[in-house]
Amino acid sequence: MNIIAWVVLGLLAGAIAKAIYPGYQGGGILATIVLGIVGAFIGGTLGVLLTTGKLALATPTFSIPGLGLAVIGALIAIFIWYSFARRTV
């Protein structure tokens, strides 16, 4: 997948995950894109793990199921980020 598709998928997945996750999440558009891209890697890796049983770094395709995996991964990334951020404050 090329870089522009990653940015678009990251923006969509990050925005949807921030809308779903309860509470306030700071950060602007760049943080949302990075969150979505990290979420796409997490979701793609989990998708490969659940379907094949192998742990491999993967990204989902730019499709509706791929967006769903990216949103799930972004929700996991938000949860992990705020669980660590809460401890340091």
C-alpha atoms as a PDB file:
ATOM      1  CA  MET A   1       0.000   0.000   0.000  1.00  0.00           C
ATOM      2  CA  ASN A   2       1.462   3.371  -0.859  1.00  0.00           C
ATOM      3  CA  ILE A   3       2.075   6.146   1.654  1.00  0.00           C
ATOM      4  CA  ILE A   4      -0.937   8.270   0.661  1.00  0.00           C
ATOM      5  CA  ALA A   5      -3.283   5.339   1.232  1.00  0.00           C
ATOM      6  CA  TRP A   6      -1.649   4.779   4.639  1.00  0.00           C
ATOM      7  CA  VAL A   7      -2.215   8.433   5.567  1.00  0.00           C
ATOM      8  CA  VAL A   8      -5.859   8.344   4.441  1.00  0.00           C
ATOM      9  CA  LEU A   9      -6.507   5.029   6.204  1.00  0.00           C
ATOM     10  CA  GLY A  10      -4.732   6.365   9.303  1.00  0.00           C
ATOM     11  CA  LEU A  11      -6.784   9.550   9.333  1.00  0.00           C
ATOM     12  CA  LEU A  12     -10.067   7.674   8.960  1.00  0.00           C
ATOM     13  CA  ALA A  13      -9.211   4.972  11.486  1.00  0.00           C
ATOM     14  CA  GLY A  14      -7.799   7.436  14.023  1.00  0.00           C
ATOM     15  CA  ALA A  15     -10.804   9.757  13.760  1.00  0.00           C
ATOM     16  CA  ILE A  16     -13.293   6.894  14.132  1.00  0.00           C
ATOM     17  CA  ALA A  17     -11.362   5.421  17.076  1.00  0.00           C
ATOM     18  CA  LYS A  18     -11.200   8.797  18.823  1.00  0.00           C
ATOM     19  CA  ALA A  19     -14.951   9.205  18.327  1.00  0.00           C
ATOM     20  CA  ILE A  20     -15.674   5.736  19.753  1.00  0.00           C
ATOM     21  CA  TYR A  21     -13.251   5.800  22.697  1.00  0.00           C
ATOM     22  CA  PRO A  22     -14.802   7.456  25.787  1.00  0.00           C
ATOM     23  CA  GLY A  23     -13.247  10.570  27.280  1.00  0.00           C
ATOM     24  CA  TYR A  24     -11.093  13.310  25.829  1.00  0.00           C
ATOM     25  CA  GLN A  25      -8.106  12.466  23.664  1.00  0.00           C
ATOM     26  CA  GLY A  26      -5.769  15.335  22.970  1.00  0.00           C
ATOM     27  CA  GLY A  27      -3.704  15.797  19.881  1.00  0.00           C
ATOM     28  CA  GLY A  28      -4.374  17.306  16.520  1.00  0.00           C
ATOM     29  CA  ILE A  29      -4.671  15.934  13.038  1.00  0.00           C
ATOM     30  CA  LEU A  30      -1.091  14.646  12.951  1.00  0.00           C
ATOM     31  CA  ALA A  31      -1.576  12.696  16.190  1.00  0.00           C
ATOM     32  CA  THR A  32      -4.801  11.246  14.780  1.00  0.00           C
ATOM     33  CA  ILE A  33      -3.039  10.114  11.590  1.00  0.00           C
ATOM     34  CA  VAL A  34      -0.160   8.539  13.540  1.00  0.00           C
ATOM     35  CA  LEU A  35      -2.641   6.841  15.866  1.00  0.00           C
ATOM     36  CA  GLY A  36      -4.524   5.438  12.890  1.00  0.00           C
ATOM     37  CA  ILE A  37      -1.357   4.197  11.166  1.00  0.00           C
ATOM     38  CA  VAL A  38      -0.158   2.506  14.364  1.00  0.00           C
ATOM     39  CA  GLY A  39      -3.650   1.088  14.764  1.00  0.00           C
ATOM     40  CA  ALA A  40      -3.555  -0.260  11.221  1.00  0.00           C
ATOM     41  CA  PHE A  41      -0.350  -2.133  12.002  1.00  0.00           C
ATOM     42  CA  ILE A  42      -1.799  -3.484  15.256  1.00  0.00           C
ATOM     43  CA  GLY A  43      -5.083  -4.472  13.606  1.00  0.00           C
ATOM     44  CA  GLY A  44      -3.365  -6.036  10.602  1.00  0.00           C
ATOM     45  CA  THR A  45      -1.037  -8.022  12.831  1.00  0.00           C
ATOM     46  CA  LEU A  46      -3.947  -9.237  14.947  1.00  0.00           C
ATOM     47  CA  GLY A  47      -5.861 -10.162  11.791  1.00  0.00           C
ATOM     48  CA  VAL A  48      -2.962 -12.262  10.519  1.00  0.00           C
ATOM     49  CA  LEU A  49      -2.520 -13.849  13.948  1.00  0.00           C
ATOM     50  CA  LEU A  50      -6.188 -14.817  14.187  1.00  0.00           C
ATOM     51  CA  THR A  51      -6.484 -16.139  10.635  1.00  0.00           C
ATOM     52  CA  THR A  52      -3.159 -17.957  10.203  1.00  0.00           C
ATOM     53  CA  GLY A  53      -1.889 -18.430  13.732  1.00  0.00           C
ATOM     54  CA  LYS A  54       1.422 -16.769  12.865  1.00  0.00           C
ATOM     55  CA  LEU A  55       2.704 -13.519  14.328  1.00  0.00           C
ATOM     56  CA  ALA A  56       3.694 -11.291  11.403  1.00  0.00           C
ATOM     57  CA  LEU A  57       3.721  -7.520  11.033  1.00  0.00           C
ATOM     58  CA  ALA A  58       1.079  -6.651   8.444  1.00  0.00           C
ATOM     59  CA  THR A  59      -1.191  -3.832   7.392  1.00  0.00           C
ATOM     60  CA  PRO A  60      -4.765  -4.192   6.231  1.00  0.00           C
ATOM     61  CA  THR A  61      -5.808  -3.258   2.727  1.00  0.00           C
ATOM     62  CA  PHE A  62      -7.646  -0.044   1.972  1.00  0.00           C
ATOM     63  CA  SER A  63     -11.141  -1.530   2.178  1.00  0.00           C
ATOM     64  CA  ILE A  64     -14.072  -1.644   4.595  1.00  0.00           C
ATOM     65  CA  PRO A  65     -12.780  -4.734   6.484  1.00  0.00           C
ATOM     66  CA  GLY A  66      -9.308  -3.190   6.476  1.00  0.00           C
ATOM     67  CA  LEU A  67     -10.708   0.005   7.961  1.00  0.00           C
ATOM     68  CA  GLY A  68     -12.466  -2.061  10.622  1.00  0.00           C
ATOM     69  CA  LEU A  69      -9.200  -3.783  11.547  1.00  0.00           C
ATOM     70  CA  ALA A  70      -7.425  -0.423  11.643  1.00  0.00           C
ATOM     71  CA  VAL A  71     -10.099   1.059  13.938  1.00  0.00           C
ATOM     72  CA  ILE A  72      -9.869  -1.924  16.301  1.00  0.00           C
ATOM     73  CA  GLY A  73      -6.088  -1.558  16.328  1.00  0.00           C
ATOM     74  CA  ALA A  74      -6.368   2.190  16.943  1.00  0.00           C
ATOM     75  CA  LEU A  75      -8.708   1.565  19.886  1.00  0.00           C
ATOM     76  CA  ILE A  76      -6.127  -0.826  21.326  1.00  0.00           C
ATOM     77  CA  ALA A  77      -3.396   1.769  20.740  1.00  0.00           C
ATOM     78  CA  ILE A  78      -5.428   4.474  22.530  1.00  0.00           C
ATOM     79  CA  PHE A  79      -6.037   2.150  25.468  1.00  0.00           C
ATOM     80  CA  ILE A  80      -2.356   1.238  25.768  1.00  0.00           C
ATOM     81  CA  TRP A  81      -1.211   4.851  25.373  1.00  0.00           C
ATOM     82  CA  TYR A  82      -3.541   6.214  28.050  1.00  0.00           C
ATOM     83  CA  SER A  83      -2.843   3.369  30.461  1.00  0.00           C
ATOM     84  CA  PHE A  84       0.871   4.290  30.332  1.00  0.00           C
ATOM     85  CA  ALA A  85       0.216   8.045  30.300  1.00  0.00           C
ATOM     86  CA  ARG A  86      -1.982   7.838  33.392  1.00  0.00           C
ATOM     87  CA  ARG A  87       0.792   6.154  35.383  1.00  0.00           C
ATOM     88  CA  THR A  88       3.411   8.778  34.599  1.00  0.00           C
ATOM     89  CA  VAL A  89       1.294  11.773  35.613  1.00  0.00           C
END
